[in-house]
Structure formats: structure tokens, C-alpha cells
Amino acid sequence: MEEQNLESIMGLIVNAGNAKSDAMEAIQAAKAGNFDEADEKIKSAEASLVEAHHSQTGLLTKEAKGEHMTVTLLTVHSQDHLMTAIAFTDLAKEIIDLHREIAK
């Protein structure tokens, strides 16, 4: 696997993992009634997702230009990690909104 592709793949995994962790911490903060912290954690999660998307876009751009790469288990794992983090962050936002409503 090409070094640059490996860096992009690892960027996907790391940033997606950070996003999911921040989203979980946001839920915990909201559960404790700390909505300012929950909002900050969601912003951090979204920023990590943007970084992960940059890595993904780099890989997709290469593919579109005809620079095909071998798909490995690590590649599949990185995509799975990103999609899970996106779904988790979206659900975290909904859970935080529910906690806000309950707190009213």
C-alpha cells in the first residue's frame, strides 16, 4: 500500500474515532445537564468528521483520476469507522435535544 494512501486511511480511522468519542462525551455531558459542554463536544466531533472527510476525499480524487488502489481490510475498516462515527454523531445530537427538552 502506498504511504500516502496509508496516511489517508489512518487519518480516516483516527478522526472518525475522535468524532465518536466526542459525541459520546457530548451525550454524557447533556445527561448531566451541562449543555454548553455537550455543544462544544458536538462541535469537536463535527470538526473531526470534516478532517476525516478530507482524507476520504483525497482517496476518492485519486480513484477518479484513475489511480486505483488495492482495497484492503484496513481500507474497508476506515470507511466503516467513518460511517459509524457519522451516524453516532447524528444520533448524539438527537439524544442531546431530548435531554434539553426533559430539562425544561
Protein backbone atom coordinates (compact mmCIF):
# COMPACT_ATOMS: atom_id res chain seq x y z
CA MET A 1 0.00 0.00 0.00
CA GLU A 2 1.30 3.41 -0.94
CA GLU A 3 2.49 5.55 2.01
CA GLN A 4 0.19 8.46 1.15
CA ASN A 5 -2.84 6.16 0.93
CA LEU A 6 -1.96 4.61 4.28
CA GLU A 7 -1.76 8.07 5.85
CA SER A 8 -5.19 8.93 4.46
CA ILE A 9 -6.66 5.67 5.71
CA MET A 10 -5.19 6.18 9.17
CA GLY A 11 -6.49 9.76 9.11
CA LEU A 12 -9.96 8.39 8.48
CA ILE A 13 -9.70 5.94 11.37
CA VAL A 14 -8.21 8.40 13.88
CA ASN A 15 -10.52 11.29 13.08
CA ALA A 16 -13.62 9.10 12.96
CA GLY A 17 -12.65 7.60 16.32
CA ASN A 18 -12.17 11.07 17.79
CA ALA A 19 -15.57 12.14 16.47
CA LYS A 20 -17.31 9.15 18.00
CA SER A 21 -15.57 9.68 21.35
CA ASP A 22 -16.50 13.37 21.40
CA ALA A 23 -20.11 12.53 20.51
CA MET A 24 -20.28 10.05 23.40
CA GLU A 25 -18.85 12.64 25.76
CA ALA A 26 -21.43 15.13 24.47
CA ILE A 27 -24.24 12.72 25.38
CA GLN A 28 -22.79 12.23 28.86
CA ALA A 29 -22.50 15.99 29.36
CA ALA A 30 -26.10 16.52 28.27
CA LYS A 31 -27.26 13.74 30.57
CA ALA A 32 -25.57 15.62 33.43
CA GLY A 33 -27.31 18.83 32.34
CA ASN A 34 -24.15 20.51 31.03
CA PHE A 35 -25.43 21.60 27.63
CA ASP A 36 -22.63 24.08 26.93
CA GLU A 37 -20.10 21.25 27.22
CA ALA A 38 -22.33 18.99 25.13
CA ASP A 39 -22.47 21.62 22.39
CA GLU A 40 -18.68 22.04 22.45
CA LYS A 41 -18.14 18.29 22.21
CA ILE A 42 -20.51 18.07 19.25
CA LYS A 43 -18.61 20.90 17.53
CA SER A 44 -15.38 18.99 18.14
CA ALA A 45 -16.95 15.80 16.76
CA GLU A 46 -18.07 17.64 13.65
CA ALA A 47 -14.60 19.12 13.16
CA SER A 48 -13.09 15.64 13.35
CA LEU A 49 -15.61 14.41 10.79
CA VAL A 50 -14.57 17.22 8.45
CA GLU A 51 -10.94 16.12 8.79
CA ALA A 52 -11.93 12.52 8.12
CA HIS A 53 -13.83 13.63 5.03
CA HIS A 54 -10.73 15.44 3.78
CA SER A 55 -8.83 12.16 3.99
CA GLN A 56 -11.63 10.33 2.24
CA THR A 57 -11.88 12.97 -0.48
CA GLY A 58 -8.17 12.61 -1.20
CA LEU A 59 -8.60 8.89 -1.77
CA LEU A 60 -11.71 9.38 -3.90
CA THR A 61 -9.99 12.03 -6.01
CA LYS A 62 -7.12 9.67 -6.76
CA GLU A 63 -9.56 6.94 -7.71
CA ALA A 64 -11.44 9.31 -10.01
CA LYS A 65 -8.17 10.21 -11.71
CA GLY A 66 -7.53 6.55 -12.46
CA GLU A 67 -5.07 5.94 -9.63
CA HIS A 68 -6.64 2.73 -8.38
CA MET A 69 -5.57 1.33 -5.05
CA THR A 70 -5.85 -2.14 -3.64
CA VAL A 71 -8.76 -2.35 -1.25
CA THR A 72 -7.59 -3.98 1.97
CA LEU A 73 -9.32 -4.83 5.21
CA LEU A 74 -7.79 -1.65 6.64
CA THR A 75 -9.41 0.39 3.85
CA VAL A 76 -12.81 -1.17 4.49
CA HIS A 77 -12.37 -0.68 8.23
CA SER A 78 -11.64 3.02 7.75
CA GLN A 79 -14.82 3.53 5.72
CA ASP A 80 -16.87 1.57 8.24
CA HIS A 81 -15.38 3.61 11.07
CA LEU A 82 -16.29 6.87 9.32
CA MET A 83 -19.87 5.86 8.57
CA THR A 84 -20.38 4.67 12.15
CA ALA A 85 -18.99 7.95 13.51
CA ILE A 86 -21.29 9.98 11.27
CA ALA A 87 -24.36 8.00 12.36
CA PHE A 88 -23.31 8.14 16.01
CA THR A 89 -22.79 11.90 15.90
CA ASP A 90 -26.18 12.42 14.27
CA LEU A 91 -27.85 10.28 16.94
CA ALA A 92 -25.93 12.09 19.69
CA LYS A 93 -27.41 15.39 18.52
CA GLU A 94 -30.90 13.93 18.78
CA ILE A 95 -30.23 12.50 22.25
CA ILE A 96 -28.86 15.85 23.41
CA ASP A 97 -32.01 17.57 22.11
CA LEU A 98 -34.13 15.08 24.07
CA HIS A 99 -32.15 15.82 27.23
CA ARG A 100 -32.70 19.56 26.62
CA GLU A 101 -36.45 19.00 26.36
CA ILE A 102 -36.53 16.89 29.51
CA ALA A 103 -34.53 19.55 31.37
CA LYS A 104 -37.13 22.22 30.52
